[in-house]
Amino acid sequence: MTWTPIIEATYFDGIRTDLLTTAAGIVSCLLIVVGLGILYKVFH
C-alpha cells in the first residue's frame, strides 16, 4: 500500500470543511433560537 499525501490531505480538508459547515449551521440555528427566545421574553 502506497499512501499519497496529496489525496490524504485533500480528503481530510474536505472532512474538516464539512464539519465546519455543519458546526456553523448548528451554531447559527442555536443563535437564532436563543435570539427569538430573548425577543419573546422582552416583548411579552
N, C-alpha and C. Protein backbone atom coordinates (compact mmCIF):
# COMPACT_ATOMS: atom_id res chain seq x y z
N MET A 1 0.84 -1.19 0.00
CA MET A 1 0.00 0.00 0.00
C MET A 1 0.88 1.25 0.00
N THR A 2 0.71 2.07 -1.01
CA THR A 2 1.46 3.33 -1.03
C THR A 2 0.49 4.47 -0.77
N TRP A 3 0.81 5.29 0.22
CA TRP A 3 -0.05 6.40 0.57
C TRP A 3 0.38 7.65 -0.18
N THR A 4 -0.57 8.34 -0.77
CA THR A 4 -0.27 9.60 -1.44
C THR A 4 -0.74 10.75 -0.54
N PRO A 5 0.18 11.48 0.03
CA PRO A 5 -0.14 12.56 0.98
C PRO A 5 -1.12 13.58 0.41
N ILE A 6 -1.02 13.86 -0.90
CA ILE A 6 -1.88 14.87 -1.51
C ILE A 6 -3.35 14.44 -1.39
N ILE A 7 -3.63 13.19 -1.75
CA ILE A 7 -5.00 12.68 -1.69
C ILE A 7 -5.48 12.68 -0.24
N GLU A 8 -4.61 12.21 0.67
CA GLU A 8 -4.97 12.17 2.09
C GLU A 8 -5.28 13.57 2.61
N ALA A 9 -4.43 14.54 2.27
CA ALA A 9 -4.60 15.90 2.77
C ALA A 9 -5.91 16.49 2.28
N THR A 10 -6.21 16.35 0.99
CA THR A 10 -7.45 16.92 0.47
C THR A 10 -8.65 16.18 1.05
N TYR A 11 -8.49 14.88 1.28
CA TYR A 11 -9.58 14.10 1.88
C TYR A 11 -9.92 14.67 3.26
N PHE A 12 -8.90 14.87 4.07
CA PHE A 12 -9.14 15.39 5.42
C PHE A 12 -9.59 16.85 5.39
N ASP A 13 -9.08 17.62 4.45
CA ASP A 13 -9.54 19.01 4.30
C ASP A 13 -11.02 19.02 3.99
N GLY A 14 -11.47 18.12 3.14
CA GLY A 14 -12.88 18.03 2.80
C GLY A 14 -13.72 17.71 4.01
N ILE A 15 -13.27 16.74 4.82
CA ILE A 15 -14.00 16.36 6.03
C ILE A 15 -14.05 17.54 6.99
N ARG A 16 -12.90 18.22 7.15
CA ARG A 16 -12.84 19.34 8.08
C ARG A 16 -13.78 20.46 7.62
N THR A 17 -13.82 20.72 6.32
CA THR A 17 -14.71 21.75 5.77
C THR A 17 -16.16 21.38 6.04
N ASP A 18 -16.51 20.10 5.82
CA ASP A 18 -17.87 19.64 6.07
C ASP A 18 -18.23 19.82 7.54
N LEU A 19 -17.30 19.47 8.44
CA LEU A 19 -17.55 19.60 9.87
C LEU A 19 -17.74 21.06 10.25
N LEU A 20 -16.89 21.93 9.67
CA LEU A 20 -17.01 23.36 9.97
C LEU A 20 -18.35 23.89 9.48
N THR A 21 -18.75 23.47 8.29
CA THR A 21 -20.03 23.91 7.73
C THR A 21 -21.17 23.45 8.62
N THR A 22 -21.12 22.18 9.04
CA THR A 22 -22.16 21.62 9.91
C THR A 22 -22.18 22.36 11.24
N ALA A 23 -21.00 22.57 11.83
CA ALA A 23 -20.91 23.28 13.11
C ALA A 23 -21.46 24.69 12.97
N ALA A 24 -21.10 25.37 11.88
CA ALA A 24 -21.58 26.74 11.65
C ALA A 24 -23.10 26.76 11.54
N GLY A 25 -23.66 25.78 10.86
CA GLY A 25 -25.11 25.70 10.71
C GLY A 25 -25.79 25.50 12.05
N ILE A 26 -25.24 24.59 12.87
CA ILE A 26 -25.82 24.31 14.18
C ILE A 26 -25.75 25.56 15.06
N VAL A 27 -24.58 26.22 15.06
CA VAL A 27 -24.40 27.43 15.87
C VAL A 27 -25.38 28.51 15.40
N SER A 28 -25.53 28.66 14.09
CA SER A 28 -26.46 29.66 13.56
C SER A 28 -27.88 29.39 14.05
N CYS A 29 -28.30 28.12 13.97
CA CYS A 29 -29.65 27.75 14.42
C CYS A 29 -29.81 28.06 15.90
N LEU A 30 -28.81 27.70 16.70
CA LEU A 30 -28.87 27.96 18.14
C LEU A 30 -28.99 29.45 18.42
N LEU A 31 -28.17 30.25 17.71
CA LEU A 31 -28.22 31.70 17.91
C LEU A 31 -29.59 32.26 17.55
N ILE A 32 -30.16 31.77 16.46
CA ILE A 32 -31.49 32.24 16.04
C ILE A 32 -32.52 31.88 17.11
N VAL A 33 -32.48 30.63 17.59
CA VAL A 33 -33.44 30.18 18.61
C VAL A 33 -33.28 31.01 19.88
N VAL A 34 -32.03 31.19 20.32
CA VAL A 34 -31.78 31.97 21.53
C VAL A 34 -32.24 33.42 21.33
N GLY A 35 -31.92 33.98 20.17
CA GLY A 35 -32.33 35.35 19.87
C GLY A 35 -33.84 35.50 19.90
N LEU A 36 -34.55 34.54 19.29
CA LEU A 36 -36.02 34.59 19.29
C LEU A 36 -36.54 34.47 20.72
N GLY A 37 -35.93 33.60 21.52
CA GLY A 37 -36.34 33.42 22.91
C GLY A 37 -36.18 34.71 23.69
N ILE A 38 -35.05 35.39 23.50
CA ILE A 38 -34.81 36.66 24.20
C ILE A 38 -35.82 37.70 23.76
N LEU A 39 -36.04 37.82 22.45
CA LEU A 39 -37.02 38.78 21.94
C LEU A 39 -38.41 38.48 22.50
N TYR A 40 -38.76 37.20 22.55
CA TYR A 40 -40.07 36.80 23.07
C TYR A 40 -40.22 37.24 24.52
N LYS A 41 -39.17 37.00 25.33
CA LYS A 41 -39.23 37.39 26.73
C LYS A 41 -39.29 38.90 26.89
N VAL A 42 -38.55 39.62 26.03
CA VAL A 42 -38.51 41.09 26.14
C VAL A 42 -39.88 41.68 25.81
N PHE A 43 -40.53 41.15 24.77
CA PHE A 43 -41.76 41.76 24.29
C PHE A 43 -43.02 41.19 24.89
N HIS A 44 -42.90 40.14 25.73
CA HIS A 44 -44.12 39.56 26.31
C HIS A 44 -44.07 39.63 27.82
